Amino acid sequence: MNDERVALVEFVKTVPRTLAKYAEVVSKNPGVFCDEKLLPCSKTVMKAALKVGWELAKTDEQRAWIREGWSLLSTFQPGVGDKPLGKTRPESTLDEFVAHNDLTRLTRAALEEMEENHVEFSAYLDRVSDPAQRR
């Protein structure tokens, strides 16, 4: 087996654990923006893990979770910090103003990323559903 294939096999073995960790982070932080540092790995690696997860999924329910997990990647943004943003009530007017500006910036970034992710995942699904396009 060549080194590339060995690395791929090893990566595939890590996918269930990576997705379980991701599910845990998502379930602990519903409906908020989190720092991307909370992800079990980089977004690029998460996308690869989700794609492998799609291939390994045995049920429609598992695939639905993969689709949702892909979409939720956009709620993990750089620079959010240790505390997720979106559900806590600011303590003062200044805090409220700063939080509103942060949420506006994060919402814009997340929506842009969500659209890019949607296009990428749709292209992936088209490719894997058409045997002629599979690699």
Protein backbone atom coordinates (compact mmCIF):
# COMPACT_ATOMS: atom_id res chain seq x y z
CA MET A 1 0.00 0.00 0.00
CA ASN A 2 1.41 3.42 -0.88
CA ASP A 3 1.73 6.21 1.71
CA GLU A 4 -1.23 8.16 0.34
CA ARG A 5 -3.54 5.17 0.59
CA VAL A 6 -2.32 4.38 4.12
CA ALA A 7 -3.01 7.99 5.15
CA LEU A 8 -6.51 7.80 3.65
CA VAL A 9 -7.28 4.54 5.47
CA GLU A 10 -6.04 6.04 8.74
CA PHE A 11 -8.15 9.18 8.17
CA VAL A 12 -11.29 7.13 7.49
CA LYS A 13 -10.73 5.32 10.79
CA THR A 14 -10.80 8.66 12.64
CA VAL A 15 -14.05 9.86 11.06
CA PRO A 16 -16.57 8.30 13.49
CA ARG A 17 -14.72 9.79 16.48
CA THR A 18 -14.37 13.18 14.76
CA LEU A 19 -18.07 13.28 13.89
CA ALA A 20 -19.03 12.25 17.43
CA LYS A 21 -16.92 15.08 18.86
CA TYR A 22 -18.47 17.51 16.38
CA ALA A 23 -21.98 16.34 17.31
CA GLU A 24 -21.16 16.92 20.97
CA VAL A 25 -19.93 20.48 20.33
CA VAL A 26 -23.01 21.26 18.21
CA SER A 27 -25.42 19.83 20.79
CA LYS A 28 -23.82 21.86 23.59
CA ASN A 29 -24.06 25.09 21.58
CA PRO A 30 -27.39 25.16 19.73
CA GLY A 31 -28.34 28.32 17.89
CA VAL A 32 -25.20 30.32 18.66
CA PHE A 33 -21.98 31.36 17.00
CA CYS A 34 -18.91 29.57 18.32
CA ASP A 35 -15.24 30.05 17.77
CA GLU A 36 -13.94 27.69 15.11
CA LYS A 37 -11.32 26.57 17.64
CA LEU A 38 -14.10 24.48 19.28
CA LEU A 39 -14.22 22.22 16.23
CA PRO A 40 -12.41 18.90 16.67
CA CYS A 41 -10.30 19.80 13.61
CA SER A 42 -10.06 22.47 10.91
CA LYS A 43 -13.11 23.19 8.75
CA THR A 44 -11.31 21.70 5.76
CA VAL A 45 -10.76 18.44 7.63
CA MET A 46 -14.33 18.57 9.03
CA LYS A 47 -15.67 18.80 5.48
CA ALA A 48 -13.59 15.79 4.47
CA ALA A 49 -14.84 13.89 7.54
CA LEU A 50 -18.45 14.77 6.75
CA LYS A 51 -18.01 13.56 3.17
CA VAL A 52 -16.59 10.27 4.41
CA GLY A 53 -19.42 10.13 6.94
CA TRP A 54 -21.89 10.53 4.09
CA GLU A 55 -20.28 7.60 2.30
CA LEU A 56 -20.34 5.47 5.46
CA ALA A 57 -23.90 6.42 6.47
CA LYS A 58 -26.29 3.51 6.41
CA THR A 59 -29.57 5.36 6.99
CA ASP A 60 -31.38 8.44 5.76
CA GLU A 61 -31.31 9.71 9.35
CA GLN A 62 -27.52 9.56 9.41
CA ARG A 63 -27.33 11.35 6.06
CA ALA A 64 -29.74 14.02 7.31
CA TRP A 65 -27.42 14.61 10.27
CA ILE A 66 -24.41 14.89 7.93
CA ARG A 67 -26.30 17.44 5.81
CA GLU A 68 -27.21 19.45 8.93
CA GLY A 69 -23.67 19.16 10.28
CA TRP A 70 -22.33 20.50 6.99
CA SER A 71 -24.69 23.46 7.19
CA LEU A 72 -23.81 24.18 10.83
CA LEU A 73 -20.10 24.54 10.03
CA SER A 74 -20.83 28.15 9.10
CA THR A 75 -21.79 28.92 12.73
CA PHE A 76 -18.17 28.31 13.72
CA GLN A 77 -16.30 31.49 12.96
CA PRO A 78 -12.82 32.81 13.79
CA GLY A 79 -12.46 35.31 16.59
CA VAL A 80 -15.69 34.58 18.48
CA GLY A 81 -13.72 33.82 21.61
CA ASP A 82 -14.35 31.50 24.53
CA LYS A 83 -18.02 32.36 24.98
CA PRO A 84 -20.49 31.56 22.21
CA LEU A 85 -22.47 34.55 20.95
CA GLY A 86 -26.16 34.74 20.28
CA LYS A 87 -28.16 33.67 23.31
CA THR A 88 -26.78 35.51 26.33
CA ARG A 89 -28.23 38.85 27.33
CA PRO A 90 -25.66 41.69 27.41
CA GLU A 91 -25.23 43.40 30.78
CA SER A 92 -25.17 47.03 29.60
CA THR A 93 -26.08 49.22 26.65
CA LEU A 94 -22.42 49.29 25.55
CA ASP A 95 -22.25 45.50 25.83
CA GLU A 96 -25.49 45.29 23.85
CA PHE A 97 -24.09 47.55 21.12
CA VAL A 98 -20.85 45.58 20.87
CA ALA A 99 -22.72 42.26 20.90
CA HIS A 100 -25.08 43.50 18.18
CA ASN A 101 -22.16 44.56 15.98
CA ASP A 102 -20.40 41.23 16.58
CA LEU A 103 -23.57 39.30 15.78
CA THR A 104 -24.16 41.33 12.63
CA ARG A 105 -20.61 40.65 11.44
CA LEU A 106 -20.83 36.97 12.35
CA THR A 107 -24.23 36.60 10.70
CA ARG A 108 -22.95 38.08 7.46
CA ALA A 109 -19.85 35.87 7.49
CA ALA A 110 -21.89 32.78 8.37
CA LEU A 111 -24.49 33.42 5.65
CA GLU A 112 -21.77 33.89 3.04
CA GLU A 113 -20.00 30.74 4.17
CA MET A 114 -23.28 28.83 4.36
CA GLU A 115 -23.99 29.65 0.71
CA GLU A 116 -20.49 28.55 -0.32
CA ASN A 117 -20.88 25.35 1.73
CA HIS A 118 -24.27 24.65 0.13
CA VAL A 119 -22.80 24.96 -3.37
CA GLU A 120 -19.84 22.76 -2.42
CA PHE A 121 -21.96 20.05 -0.78
CA SER A 122 -24.50 20.06 -3.62
CA ALA A 123 -21.68 19.53 -6.12
CA TYR A 124 -20.33 16.72 -3.95
CA LEU A 125 -23.76 15.05 -3.76
CA ASP A 126 -24.19 15.35 -7.53
CA ARG A 127 -20.81 13.70 -8.02
CA VAL A 128 -21.40 10.80 -5.63
CA SER A 129 -24.90 10.15 -6.95
CA ASP A 130 -23.62 9.85 -10.53
CA PRO A 131 -21.40 6.75 -10.81
CA ALA A 132 -19.78 8.13 -13.97
CA GLN A 133 -18.39 11.07 -11.96
CA ARG A 134 -17.10 9.11 -8.97
CA ARG A 135 -13.37 9.05 -8.48
